[in-house]
Amino acid sequence: MADSKAPKTEGGKALSKSATHQELADSSKLTKKQVSEFFDALFALIKRELGKKGPGVFNLPGLLQLKLKRMPATKKRMGPNPFKPGENMEFKARAARNVVKARALKNLKDMVK
């Protein structure tokens, strides 16, 4: 039978931030404030690792890997329309941007099977 203390997720909704902090606090015997401080420290670490001076890669052991890819700016150009073969279309210019890719690691994949 399910634990009656656990917050119920209605209709498959994800847990809120405070519900997640409460669940982790209950299961780890830490206070909710300590769990919140842990997440703040984790966010600061991710920001440092994915920032301009960091390596651009962050691993959360056994769960996921975050990679930063710096995409260069592109100029406006003409090219084939992928939806109407034989026609050309104009592709808009795009500014340079940073894209973060998340990759699930083996343990996470095995967890959700």
Protein backbone atom coordinates (compact mmCIF):
# COMPACT_ATOMS: atom_id res chain seq x y z
CA MET A 1 0.00 0.00 0.00
CA ALA A 2 1.16 3.57 -0.68
CA ASP A 3 2.60 5.67 2.14
CA SER A 4 -0.12 8.00 3.44
CA LYS A 5 2.40 10.79 4.24
CA ALA A 6 3.51 11.14 0.63
CA PRO A 7 1.95 14.07 -1.26
CA LYS A 8 -0.48 12.91 -3.91
CA THR A 9 0.06 13.88 -7.51
CA GLU A 10 -3.24 14.49 -9.21
CA GLY A 11 -3.68 13.36 -12.78
CA GLY A 12 0.01 12.67 -13.32
CA LYS A 13 1.12 16.21 -12.46
CA ALA A 14 4.73 16.77 -11.43
CA LEU A 15 5.59 17.66 -7.85
CA SER A 16 5.95 21.35 -7.10
CA LYS A 17 9.25 22.79 -5.89
CA SER A 18 8.14 22.90 -2.24
CA ALA A 19 6.67 19.38 -2.43
CA THR A 20 9.94 18.10 -3.88
CA HIS A 21 11.92 19.79 -1.10
CA GLN A 22 9.55 18.32 1.52
CA GLU A 23 9.87 14.79 0.07
CA LEU A 24 13.67 15.00 0.09
CA ALA A 25 13.68 16.47 3.60
CA ASP A 26 11.49 13.64 4.90
CA SER A 27 13.51 10.87 3.26
CA SER A 28 16.97 12.27 4.14
CA LYS A 29 16.29 13.45 7.70
CA LEU A 30 17.39 16.96 6.77
CA THR A 31 15.37 20.11 7.27
CA LYS A 32 13.54 21.67 4.36
CA LYS A 33 15.87 24.68 4.64
CA GLN A 34 18.95 22.45 4.34
CA VAL A 35 17.52 20.79 1.22
CA SER A 36 16.83 24.22 -0.25
CA GLU A 37 20.42 25.32 0.51
CA PHE A 38 21.70 22.14 -1.16
CA PHE A 39 19.77 22.94 -4.34
CA ASP A 40 21.07 26.53 -4.28
CA ALA A 41 24.64 25.19 -4.06
CA LEU A 42 23.94 22.70 -6.87
CA PHE A 43 22.60 25.49 -9.11
CA ALA A 44 25.69 27.61 -8.39
CA LEU A 45 27.94 24.66 -9.28
CA ILE A 46 26.08 24.03 -12.56
CA LYS A 47 26.28 27.73 -13.43
CA ARG A 48 30.04 27.74 -12.79
CA GLU A 49 30.63 24.58 -14.85
CA LEU A 50 28.46 25.65 -17.81
CA GLY A 51 29.50 29.32 -17.67
CA LYS A 52 31.98 31.10 -19.94
CA LYS A 53 35.04 30.07 -17.93
CA GLY A 54 33.87 26.53 -17.15
CA PRO A 55 34.46 23.38 -19.19
CA GLY A 56 30.92 23.38 -20.60
CA VAL A 57 30.05 19.94 -19.22
CA PHE A 58 28.38 18.97 -15.94
CA ASN A 59 27.72 15.41 -14.76
CA LEU A 60 25.20 14.52 -12.10
CA PRO A 61 26.64 11.05 -11.36
CA GLY A 62 24.37 8.23 -12.42
CA LEU A 63 21.57 10.52 -13.61
CA LEU A 64 22.39 12.94 -16.37
CA GLN A 65 25.00 14.92 -18.23
CA LEU A 66 24.53 18.56 -19.19
CA LYS A 67 26.52 19.94 -22.12
CA LEU A 68 26.75 23.52 -23.33
CA LYS A 69 27.02 24.08 -27.05
CA ARG A 70 27.77 27.59 -28.30
CA MET A 71 25.93 28.08 -31.60
CA PRO A 72 27.35 30.75 -33.92
CA ALA A 73 25.30 33.48 -35.56
CA THR A 74 23.90 32.73 -39.02
CA LYS A 75 23.20 35.14 -41.85
CA LYS A 76 19.96 35.43 -43.77
CA ARG A 77 19.98 33.03 -46.73
CA MET A 78 17.86 31.50 -49.43
CA GLY A 79 17.35 27.74 -49.54
CA PRO A 80 14.95 25.00 -50.60
CA ASN A 81 11.56 24.92 -48.87
CA PRO A 82 11.38 21.58 -46.99
CA PHE A 83 7.56 21.57 -47.18
CA LYS A 84 7.19 22.47 -50.87
CA PRO A 85 9.86 20.79 -52.99
CA GLY A 86 11.11 22.87 -55.88
CA GLU A 87 10.41 26.22 -54.17
CA ASN A 88 12.96 28.42 -52.46
CA MET A 89 12.38 30.25 -49.21
CA GLU A 90 14.24 32.76 -47.07
CA PHE A 91 15.74 31.56 -43.79
CA LYS A 92 15.99 34.35 -41.21
CA ALA A 93 19.25 35.38 -39.59
CA ARG A 94 19.80 34.11 -36.04
CA ALA A 95 21.93 35.58 -33.29
CA ALA A 96 24.67 33.59 -31.56
CA ARG A 97 23.27 31.57 -28.68
CA ASN A 98 24.09 29.00 -26.04
CA VAL A 99 22.18 25.70 -26.10
CA VAL A 100 22.15 23.33 -23.12
CA LYS A 101 21.64 19.66 -23.96
CA ALA A 102 20.68 17.13 -21.27
CA ARG A 103 21.60 13.49 -21.78
CA ALA A 104 20.18 10.75 -19.55
CA LEU A 105 22.80 8.32 -18.26
CA LYS A 106 22.39 4.55 -17.99
CA ASN A 107 21.19 4.45 -14.37
CA LEU A 108 18.40 6.95 -15.11
CA LYS A 109 17.36 5.03 -18.22
CA ASP A 110 17.24 1.78 -16.22
CA MET A 111 15.17 3.50 -13.48
CA VAL A 112 12.34 4.42 -15.82
CA LYS A 113 12.07 1.13 -17.74
